[in-house]
Amino acid sequence: CGLCVKVGSFNDPSELPGLNFSEFVGLHGGTTYSVTDCEYTRFYFDISVKQLEPALDHFVQFFIEPLMKKDAIMREREIIENEFQSNFLSCDKNRKELVLSDITRIAPPPNRIRWKDLTSHNNIDDDKVYEELHKFRERYYSAHRMMLAIQARLPLDILETFVTKFFAKISSNWLPFNTFTKFKDYEFFDTVSCKEMYKVKPIKDISQVCILDT
């Protein structure tokens, strides 16, 4: 099962970049996976077909009425910060994308999360993080932003019954989507900054040349 929400790091509040990384799904059995891109957040899980129906019931509760308790949020916050410091900046792809994020016109810049941002998170009151996380979910985790896919060795009418039974309960606020039409001729990058050469010291023993056509 996979559910995609049209909300990503572009939608992070300016005072709390990386808020989307606080969103995780807890399920029992099978395997789970979640990922946040610039404009989309995706959640996946797989499980034996016999357990699909109860698993869908557990899964959909995250989008209908998640607990999102303050103590659980704070624990995840610490885990995420530790994971970021140990993994994120040790990846050559991520280091290159951080350079690109500095020359974008989008505010806040995509993939803007850096060590200093995570350090500043520690200085933000827990109540503030809790409040902003709930506001973020209420605004962006709406049914009209979601796309669902379920694959199983079951008849189509049974899968349709599962979708109607569980996912029809997700509410929709019908708030408008974010657009980038304010940029003239879709110029997302600063044209002056793009006329420069940037060198990124790699972690691995590699040499690459990347050309950005704006």
Protein backbone atom coordinates (compact mmCIF):
# COMPACT_ATOMS: atom_id res chain seq x y z
CA CYS A 1 0.00 0.00 0.00
CA GLY A 2 1.27 3.49 -0.82
CA LEU A 3 -0.21 6.88 0.02
CA CYS A 4 1.20 10.11 -1.44
CA VAL A 5 0.40 13.54 0.04
CA LYS A 6 0.98 16.69 -1.99
CA VAL A 7 3.04 18.41 0.67
CA GLY A 8 6.81 18.45 1.07
CA SER A 9 9.78 20.43 2.29
CA PHE A 10 8.68 23.45 0.20
CA ASN A 11 5.80 23.77 2.69
CA ASP A 12 7.89 23.78 5.85
CA PRO A 13 7.34 26.85 8.07
CA SER A 14 10.24 29.28 7.80
CA GLU A 15 10.89 29.14 11.56
CA LEU A 16 10.88 25.32 11.58
CA PRO A 17 12.59 24.00 8.46
CA GLY A 18 12.49 20.23 8.21
CA LEU A 19 9.15 19.87 9.96
CA ASN A 20 8.11 17.13 7.57
CA PHE A 21 10.87 14.90 8.89
CA SER A 22 8.91 14.67 12.17
CA GLU A 23 6.17 12.72 10.35
CA PHE A 24 6.54 8.93 10.67
CA VAL A 25 4.19 5.98 10.43
CA GLY A 26 4.21 3.25 13.09
CA LEU A 27 2.81 -0.05 11.91
CA HIS A 28 3.11 -3.67 13.07
CA GLY A 29 4.25 -6.45 10.77
CA GLY A 30 5.66 -6.33 7.28
CA THR A 31 7.90 -3.41 6.33
CA THR A 32 7.28 0.33 6.22
CA TYR A 33 8.93 3.24 4.50
CA SER A 34 8.35 6.99 4.26
CA VAL A 35 10.11 9.72 2.33
CA THR A 36 9.75 13.50 1.97
CA ASP A 37 10.59 15.28 -1.27
CA CYS A 38 10.24 18.96 -2.14
CA GLU A 39 6.55 18.76 -3.04
CA TYR A 40 5.39 15.30 -1.96
CA THR A 41 5.51 13.01 1.08
CA ARG A 42 5.00 9.28 0.53
CA PHE A 43 4.19 6.47 2.94
CA TYR A 44 4.45 2.76 2.07
CA PHE A 45 3.96 -0.56 3.77
CA ASP A 46 3.71 -4.19 2.76
CA ILE A 47 2.22 -7.09 4.69
CA SER A 48 0.74 -10.54 4.11
CA VAL A 49 -2.56 -10.41 2.26
CA LYS A 50 -4.34 -12.04 5.22
CA GLN A 51 -3.43 -9.08 7.39
CA LEU A 52 -4.08 -6.37 4.79
CA GLU A 53 -7.51 -5.30 6.07
CA PRO A 54 -6.51 -4.77 9.74
CA ALA A 55 -3.24 -3.19 8.58
CA LEU A 56 -5.15 -0.66 6.46
CA ASP A 57 -7.29 0.14 9.50
CA HIS A 58 -4.17 0.88 11.56
CA PHE A 59 -2.52 2.80 8.71
CA VAL A 60 -5.43 5.14 7.99
CA GLN A 61 -5.75 6.20 11.64
CA PHE A 62 -2.54 8.19 11.22
CA PHE A 63 -4.32 10.37 8.67
CA ILE A 64 -7.72 10.50 10.39
CA GLU A 65 -6.91 11.09 14.03
CA PRO A 66 -3.20 10.65 14.87
CA LEU A 67 -2.24 10.76 18.52
CA MET A 68 0.83 12.93 17.96
CA LYS A 69 1.53 13.12 21.69
CA LYS A 70 4.06 15.66 22.83
CA ASP A 71 6.43 13.17 24.47
CA ALA A 72 6.43 10.97 21.33
CA ILE A 73 7.13 14.00 19.13
CA MET A 74 10.07 15.00 21.28
CA ARG A 75 11.53 11.48 21.12
CA GLU A 76 11.22 11.41 17.33
CA ARG A 77 12.77 14.87 17.16
CA GLU A 78 15.92 13.64 18.88
CA ILE A 79 16.10 10.51 16.69
CA ILE A 80 15.75 12.57 13.53
CA GLU A 81 18.44 15.04 14.57
CA ASN A 82 20.88 12.21 15.32
CA GLU A 83 20.09 10.52 12.01
CA PHE A 84 20.59 13.75 10.09
CA GLN A 85 23.97 14.46 11.66
CA SER A 86 25.25 10.94 11.02
CA ASN A 87 23.85 10.34 7.52
CA PHE A 88 22.58 13.38 5.65
CA LEU A 89 25.76 15.38 5.14
CA SER A 90 27.84 12.25 4.47
CA CYS A 91 26.01 11.79 1.15
CA ASP A 92 27.50 13.51 -1.92
CA LYS A 93 24.07 13.93 -3.51
CA ASN A 94 22.71 15.77 -0.47
CA ARG A 95 25.77 18.04 -0.27
CA LYS A 96 25.30 19.03 -3.92
CA GLU A 97 21.60 19.72 -3.40
CA LEU A 98 22.40 22.03 -0.48
CA VAL A 99 24.40 24.20 -2.86
CA LEU A 100 21.48 24.34 -5.30
CA SER A 101 19.11 25.27 -2.47
CA ASP A 102 21.14 28.43 -1.82
CA ILE A 103 20.51 29.84 -5.29
CA THR A 104 16.78 29.21 -5.45
CA ARG A 105 14.21 31.98 -5.27
CA ILE A 106 11.83 29.82 -3.23
CA ALA A 107 11.42 30.82 0.41
CA PRO A 108 12.13 28.89 2.50
CA PRO A 109 14.71 27.25 0.20
CA PRO A 110 14.24 23.53 -0.50
CA ASN A 111 16.44 21.10 1.45
CA ARG A 112 17.57 24.01 3.58
CA ILE A 113 18.09 21.85 6.65
CA ARG A 114 21.61 22.24 8.02
CA TRP A 115 23.30 21.58 11.30
CA LYS A 116 22.66 25.16 12.42
CA ASP A 117 18.92 24.72 11.72
CA LEU A 118 18.78 21.56 13.79
CA THR A 119 20.69 23.31 16.56
CA SER A 120 18.19 26.14 16.49
CA HIS A 121 15.39 23.58 16.80
CA ASN A 122 16.79 22.68 20.22
CA ASN A 123 16.28 26.29 21.27
CA ILE A 124 12.60 26.27 20.27
CA ASP A 125 10.17 25.53 23.05
CA ASP A 126 8.63 22.04 22.97
CA ASP A 127 5.16 23.57 23.13
CA LYS A 128 5.91 25.60 19.99
CA VAL A 129 7.07 22.53 18.04
CA TYR A 130 4.00 20.61 19.21
CA GLU A 131 1.66 23.44 18.20
CA GLU A 132 3.25 23.98 14.77
CA LEU A 133 3.27 20.26 13.99
CA HIS A 134 -0.46 20.00 14.66
CA LYS A 135 -1.17 23.14 12.60
CA PHE A 136 0.90 21.69 9.75
CA ARG A 137 -1.03 18.42 9.77
CA GLU A 138 -4.42 20.13 9.90
CA ARG A 139 -3.58 22.33 6.92
CA TYR A 140 -1.76 19.93 4.61
CA TYR A 141 -2.88 16.39 5.45
CA SER A 142 -6.22 16.74 3.69
CA ALA A 143 -7.93 14.10 1.51
CA HIS A 144 -7.89 16.31 -1.59
CA ARG A 145 -4.08 16.32 -1.46
CA MET A 146 -3.76 12.53 -1.25
CA MET A 147 -3.29 9.78 -3.84
CA LEU A 148 -3.65 6.13 -2.80
CA ALA A 149 -2.48 2.89 -4.42
CA ILE A 150 -3.11 -0.64 -3.09
CA GLN A 151 -1.77 -3.79 -4.73
CA ALA A 152 -2.79 -7.24 -3.52
CA ARG A 153 -3.82 -10.66 -4.81
CA LEU A 154 -7.47 -9.94 -4.12
CA PRO A 155 -10.46 -9.20 -6.38
CA LEU A 156 -10.83 -5.56 -7.39
CA ASP A 157 -14.24 -5.24 -5.73
CA ILE A 158 -12.74 -6.29 -2.38
CA LEU A 159 -9.95 -3.72 -2.68
CA GLU A 160 -12.51 -1.04 -3.57
CA THR A 161 -14.47 -2.02 -0.46
CA PHE A 162 -11.34 -1.59 1.68
CA VAL A 163 -10.68 1.87 0.22
CA THR A 164 -14.26 3.03 0.79
CA LYS A 165 -14.45 1.50 4.25
CA PHE A 166 -11.26 3.06 5.60
CA PHE A 167 -10.03 5.99 3.53
CA ALA A 168 -13.38 7.72 2.98
CA LYS A 169 -13.11 8.78 6.62
CA ILE A 170 -10.18 11.12 5.91
CA SER A 171 -11.51 14.69 5.95
CA SER A 172 -10.80 17.36 3.36
CA ASN A 173 -10.38 21.08 4.05
CA TRP A 174 -10.19 22.04 0.33
CA LEU A 175 -7.55 24.68 0.99
CA PRO A 176 -5.76 25.75 -2.24
CA PHE A 177 -2.48 24.18 -3.32
CA ASN A 178 0.77 26.12 -3.21
CA THR A 179 1.84 27.36 -6.65
CA PHE A 180 5.01 28.93 -8.03
CA THR A 181 3.34 31.08 -10.69
CA LYS A 182 4.63 34.20 -8.92
CA PHE A 183 8.03 33.55 -10.51
CA LYS A 184 8.30 35.29 -13.86
CA ASP A 185 8.80 32.77 -16.67
CA TYR A 186 9.20 30.11 -13.95
CA GLU A 187 12.64 31.42 -12.99
CA PHE A 188 13.05 29.44 -9.80
CA PHE A 189 16.78 30.14 -9.53
CA ASP A 190 18.68 33.37 -9.08
CA THR A 191 20.07 34.06 -12.55
CA VAL A 192 23.07 36.00 -11.21
CA SER A 193 24.10 33.21 -8.85
CA CYS A 194 23.66 30.64 -11.61
CA LYS A 195 26.40 32.30 -13.66
CA GLU A 196 29.01 31.12 -11.18
CA MET A 197 31.04 27.93 -10.78
CA TYR A 198 30.62 26.07 -7.51
CA LYS A 199 32.95 23.35 -6.26
CA VAL A 200 31.76 20.74 -3.77
CA LYS A 201 34.35 18.60 -2.02
CA PRO A 202 33.13 15.00 -2.38
CA ILE A 203 33.04 12.34 0.30
CA LYS A 204 33.71 9.54 -2.18
CA ASP A 205 36.54 9.44 -4.71
CA ILE A 206 34.48 10.80 -7.63
CA SER A 207 34.65 13.64 -10.15
CA GLN A 208 31.48 15.08 -11.70
CA VAL A 209 30.48 18.11 -13.74
CA CYS A 210 26.90 19.33 -13.36
CA ILE A 211 25.42 22.03 -15.61
CA LEU A 212 22.27 23.84 -14.52
CA ASP A 213 20.21 25.12 -17.45
CA THR A 214 17.89 27.89 -16.24
